[in-house]
N, C-alpha and C. Protein backbone atom coordinates (compact mmCIF):
# COMPACT_ATOMS: atom_id res chain seq x y z
N MET A 1 0.80 -1.21 -0.01
CA MET A 1 -0.04 0.00 0.01
C MET A 1 0.86 1.29 0.04
N HIS A 2 2.01 1.25 0.62
CA HIS A 2 2.89 2.42 0.65
C HIS A 2 3.34 2.77 -0.68
N VAL A 3 3.62 1.90 -1.65
CA VAL A 3 4.08 2.25 -2.92
C VAL A 3 2.93 2.97 -3.65
N PHE A 4 1.68 2.47 -3.58
CA PHE A 4 0.53 3.15 -4.13
C PHE A 4 0.40 4.57 -3.64
N ASN A 5 0.58 4.74 -2.30
CA ASN A 5 0.44 6.08 -1.67
C ASN A 5 1.44 7.06 -2.19
N CYS A 6 2.66 6.58 -2.34
CA CYS A 6 3.74 7.39 -2.91
C CYS A 6 3.41 7.85 -4.26
N TYR A 7 2.99 6.96 -5.13
CA TYR A 7 2.64 7.31 -6.49
C TYR A 7 1.46 8.27 -6.56
N ARG A 8 0.45 7.98 -5.65
CA ARG A 8 -0.64 8.92 -5.68
C ARG A 8 -0.27 10.31 -5.23
N GLU A 9 0.51 10.38 -4.17
CA GLU A 9 0.97 11.70 -3.70
C GLU A 9 1.79 12.45 -4.83
N ILE A 10 2.64 11.72 -5.50
CA ILE A 10 3.42 12.33 -6.59
C ILE A 10 2.43 12.83 -7.71
N GLU A 11 1.52 12.07 -8.04
CA GLU A 11 0.56 12.39 -9.10
C GLU A 11 -0.27 13.63 -8.69
N GLU A 12 -0.82 13.61 -7.54
CA GLU A 12 -1.61 14.76 -7.01
C GLU A 12 -0.74 16.06 -6.88
N ALA A 13 0.50 15.94 -6.39
CA ALA A 13 1.28 17.00 -6.15
C ALA A 13 1.74 17.59 -7.47
N ASN A 14 1.96 16.81 -8.53
CA ASN A 14 2.33 17.31 -9.82
C ASN A 14 1.14 18.07 -10.41
N LYS A 15 -0.07 17.59 -10.19
CA LYS A 15 -1.27 18.29 -10.70
C LYS A 15 -1.33 19.63 -10.05
N MET A 16 -1.08 19.73 -8.76
CA MET A 16 -1.10 20.95 -8.04
C MET A 16 -0.02 22.01 -8.57
N VAL A 17 1.21 21.42 -8.80
CA VAL A 17 2.28 22.25 -9.39
C VAL A 17 1.83 22.80 -10.69
N GLY A 18 1.24 21.93 -11.53
CA GLY A 18 0.76 22.35 -12.83
C GLY A 18 -0.24 23.51 -12.77
N GLU A 19 -1.17 23.31 -11.81
CA GLU A 19 -2.19 24.36 -11.69
C GLU A 19 -1.58 25.68 -11.22
N LEU A 20 -0.64 25.63 -10.28
CA LEU A 20 0.06 26.82 -9.77
C LEU A 20 0.80 27.48 -10.96
N LYS A 21 1.56 26.70 -11.74
CA LYS A 21 2.30 27.26 -12.84
C LYS A 21 1.39 27.90 -13.87
N LYS A 22 0.25 27.24 -14.13
CA LYS A 22 -0.68 27.83 -15.08
C LYS A 22 -1.29 29.24 -14.64
N SER A 23 -1.18 29.47 -13.26
CA SER A 23 -1.75 30.71 -12.81
C SER A 23 -0.78 31.83 -12.83
N LEU A 24 0.43 31.61 -13.26
CA LEU A 24 1.41 32.71 -13.37
C LEU A 24 0.96 33.68 -14.42
N ASN A 25 1.03 34.92 -14.04
CA ASN A 25 0.74 36.04 -14.99
C ASN A 25 2.00 36.46 -15.74
N GLU A 26 1.88 37.45 -16.62
CA GLU A 26 3.03 37.92 -17.49
C GLU A 26 4.21 38.41 -16.59
N LYS A 27 3.89 38.88 -15.36
CA LYS A 27 4.95 39.48 -14.49
C LYS A 27 5.62 38.34 -13.70
N GLY A 28 5.08 37.08 -13.74
CA GLY A 28 5.61 36.02 -12.97
C GLY A 28 4.99 35.84 -11.59
N ASP A 29 3.94 36.59 -11.34
CA ASP A 29 3.12 36.49 -10.09
C ASP A 29 1.99 35.43 -10.24
N PHE A 30 1.74 34.79 -9.14
CA PHE A 30 0.64 33.81 -9.17
C PHE A 30 -0.72 34.53 -9.02
N GLU A 31 -1.66 34.17 -9.86
CA GLU A 31 -3.01 34.72 -9.80
C GLU A 31 -4.08 33.58 -9.64
N ILE A 32 -4.15 33.11 -8.48
CA ILE A 32 -5.12 32.06 -8.14
C ILE A 32 -6.26 32.69 -7.35
N LYS A 33 -7.49 32.58 -7.91
CA LYS A 33 -8.60 33.28 -7.28
C LYS A 33 -9.59 32.31 -6.85
N ASP A 34 -10.30 32.63 -5.74
CA ASP A 34 -11.41 31.82 -5.28
C ASP A 34 -12.71 32.04 -6.05
N ASN A 35 -13.79 31.48 -5.65
CA ASN A 35 -15.04 31.66 -6.35
C ASN A 35 -15.51 33.04 -6.46
N TRP A 36 -15.08 33.90 -5.45
CA TRP A 36 -15.48 35.28 -5.43
C TRP A 36 -14.54 36.31 -6.01
N GLY A 37 -13.47 35.73 -6.66
CA GLY A 37 -12.44 36.53 -7.33
C GLY A 37 -11.33 37.09 -6.49
N ASN A 38 -11.28 36.54 -5.22
CA ASN A 38 -10.22 37.00 -4.28
C ASN A 38 -9.00 36.06 -4.34
N SER A 39 -7.84 36.73 -4.19
CA SER A 39 -6.62 35.98 -4.14
C SER A 39 -5.89 36.24 -2.92
N ARG A 40 -5.91 35.23 -2.04
CA ARG A 40 -5.48 35.40 -0.64
C ARG A 40 -4.42 34.41 -0.23
N GLY A 41 -3.88 33.67 -1.14
CA GLY A 41 -2.89 32.58 -0.81
C GLY A 41 -3.59 31.26 -0.55
N LEU A 42 -2.82 30.41 -0.10
CA LEU A 42 -3.33 29.06 0.09
C LEU A 42 -3.49 28.78 1.68
N GLU A 43 -4.09 27.56 1.92
CA GLU A 43 -4.25 27.19 3.31
C GLU A 43 -3.41 25.94 3.65
N LEU A 44 -2.91 25.84 4.87
CA LEU A 44 -2.16 24.74 5.37
C LEU A 44 -2.92 24.23 6.56
N HIS A 45 -3.28 22.89 6.57
CA HIS A 45 -4.09 22.33 7.58
C HIS A 45 -3.34 21.18 8.24
N VAL A 46 -3.33 21.15 9.57
CA VAL A 46 -2.82 19.95 10.26
C VAL A 46 -3.90 19.33 11.03
N PRO A 47 -4.38 18.14 10.70
CA PRO A 47 -5.44 17.48 11.41
C PRO A 47 -4.95 16.98 12.79
N THR A 48 -5.84 17.12 13.76
CA THR A 48 -5.65 16.60 15.16
C THR A 48 -6.94 15.95 15.53
N SER A 49 -6.90 15.27 16.67
CA SER A 49 -8.04 14.58 17.13
C SER A 49 -9.23 15.53 17.43
N MET A 50 -8.89 16.78 17.76
CA MET A 50 -9.91 17.68 18.04
C MET A 50 -10.39 18.51 16.90
N SER A 51 -9.93 18.35 15.71
CA SER A 51 -10.39 19.00 14.41
C SER A 51 -9.22 19.60 13.68
N GLY A 52 -8.17 19.96 14.33
CA GLY A 52 -7.03 20.46 13.54
C GLY A 52 -6.72 21.99 13.63
N ALA A 53 -5.71 22.33 13.10
CA ALA A 53 -5.31 23.74 13.06
C ALA A 53 -5.02 24.10 11.51
N THR A 54 -5.47 25.27 11.23
CA THR A 54 -5.23 25.85 9.86
C THR A 54 -4.68 27.17 9.82
N ILE A 55 -3.70 27.42 8.98
CA ILE A 55 -3.21 28.77 8.72
C ILE A 55 -3.62 29.14 7.31
N ARG A 56 -3.97 30.36 7.16
CA ARG A 56 -4.39 30.89 5.84
C ARG A 56 -3.43 31.86 5.30
N ARG A 57 -3.62 32.23 4.02
CA ARG A 57 -2.79 33.20 3.34
C ARG A 57 -1.37 32.73 3.27
N VAL A 58 -1.07 31.41 3.08
CA VAL A 58 0.29 30.92 2.89
C VAL A 58 0.71 31.39 1.43
N PRO A 59 1.78 32.06 1.33
CA PRO A 59 2.15 32.53 0.04
C PRO A 59 2.29 31.39 -0.99
N PHE A 60 1.91 31.69 -2.27
CA PHE A 60 1.89 30.66 -3.33
C PHE A 60 3.36 30.13 -3.47
N GLU A 61 4.35 31.03 -3.47
CA GLU A 61 5.78 30.60 -3.65
C GLU A 61 6.13 29.59 -2.65
N LEU A 62 5.72 29.84 -1.40
CA LEU A 62 6.17 28.85 -0.38
C LEU A 62 5.40 27.53 -0.53
N ALA A 63 4.12 27.56 -1.00
CA ALA A 63 3.37 26.43 -1.16
C ALA A 63 4.05 25.59 -2.31
N LEU A 64 4.50 26.24 -3.36
CA LEU A 64 5.17 25.52 -4.50
C LEU A 64 6.41 24.88 -3.97
N THR A 65 7.19 25.57 -3.18
CA THR A 65 8.36 24.92 -2.63
C THR A 65 8.08 23.65 -1.73
N ILE A 66 7.02 23.79 -0.97
CA ILE A 66 6.65 22.66 -0.07
C ILE A 66 6.22 21.48 -0.90
N ILE A 67 5.37 21.71 -1.95
CA ILE A 67 4.86 20.67 -2.81
C ILE A 67 6.04 19.96 -3.56
N GLU A 68 6.97 20.77 -4.08
CA GLU A 68 8.12 20.15 -4.81
C GLU A 68 9.02 19.39 -3.84
N LYS A 69 9.18 19.80 -2.64
CA LYS A 69 9.92 19.05 -1.68
C LYS A 69 9.22 17.79 -1.26
N HIS A 70 7.88 17.80 -1.20
CA HIS A 70 7.15 16.61 -0.95
C HIS A 70 7.30 15.55 -2.03
N VAL A 71 7.22 16.01 -3.27
CA VAL A 71 7.46 15.08 -4.42
C VAL A 71 8.85 14.42 -4.32
N GLU A 72 9.85 15.26 -3.99
CA GLU A 72 11.18 14.82 -3.85
C GLU A 72 11.27 13.66 -2.79
N ASN A 73 10.59 13.97 -1.60
CA ASN A 73 10.56 13.00 -0.57
C ASN A 73 9.91 11.68 -0.91
N GLN A 74 8.82 11.83 -1.68
CA GLN A 74 8.09 10.67 -2.09
C GLN A 74 8.93 9.81 -3.08
N HIS A 75 9.61 10.37 -3.97
CA HIS A 75 10.56 9.64 -4.79
C HIS A 75 11.62 8.86 -3.95
N LYS A 76 12.19 9.59 -2.92
CA LYS A 76 13.06 8.90 -2.10
C LYS A 76 12.47 7.68 -1.36
N GLU A 77 11.25 7.83 -0.91
CA GLU A 77 10.57 6.84 -0.24
C GLU A 77 10.29 5.60 -1.23
N LEU A 78 9.98 5.90 -2.50
CA LEU A 78 9.80 4.79 -3.47
C LEU A 78 11.13 4.04 -3.61
N GLU A 79 12.24 4.76 -3.66
CA GLU A 79 13.51 4.09 -3.80
C GLU A 79 13.79 3.15 -2.59
N ARG A 80 13.46 3.65 -1.42
CA ARG A 80 13.66 2.88 -0.13
C ARG A 80 12.69 1.63 -0.24
N LEU A 81 11.50 1.78 -0.65
CA LEU A 81 10.57 0.70 -0.68
C LEU A 81 11.05 -0.34 -1.75
N LYS A 82 11.69 0.08 -2.85
CA LYS A 82 12.20 -0.85 -3.82
C LYS A 82 13.30 -1.74 -3.19
N GLU A 83 14.08 -1.14 -2.37
CA GLU A 83 15.14 -1.88 -1.78
C GLU A 83 14.51 -2.90 -0.74
N VAL A 84 13.55 -2.50 -0.02
CA VAL A 84 12.84 -3.46 0.87
C VAL A 84 12.25 -4.59 0.21
N CYS A 85 11.59 -4.32 -1.02
CA CYS A 85 11.06 -5.33 -1.73
C CYS A 85 12.08 -6.37 -2.29
N LYS A 86 13.20 -5.78 -2.70
CA LYS A 86 14.31 -6.66 -3.21
C LYS A 86 14.79 -7.62 -2.10
N ILE A 87 14.90 -7.13 -0.82
CA ILE A 87 15.38 -7.92 0.24
C ILE A 87 14.25 -8.95 0.59
N GLN A 88 13.02 -8.57 0.51
CA GLN A 88 11.98 -9.48 0.86
C GLN A 88 11.78 -10.68 -0.22
N LEU A 89 12.16 -10.33 -1.41
CA LEU A 89 12.04 -11.30 -2.48
C LEU A 89 13.15 -12.36 -2.53
N LYS A 90 14.18 -12.11 -1.80
CA LYS A 90 15.38 -13.02 -1.72
C LYS A 90 15.02 -14.19 -0.91
């Protein structure tokens, strides 16, 4: 299941990066707007047993960096899992 999760995370993250990059204007600024036409940044949510904590107005540039780092980490995890599978198959 871990391998599937890694691939899924990579796929979803790449979609998010694609959407962020499509939102760049001619000046190189992100223009992502909500249903009301407002551009306020993104949200970061950490779930907890009590409902979680959320911060808003996370800068788009920071979000892009986080997503790209997440993809990098998922690729590393896939490589680790490949090695585990090789050992288990012996």
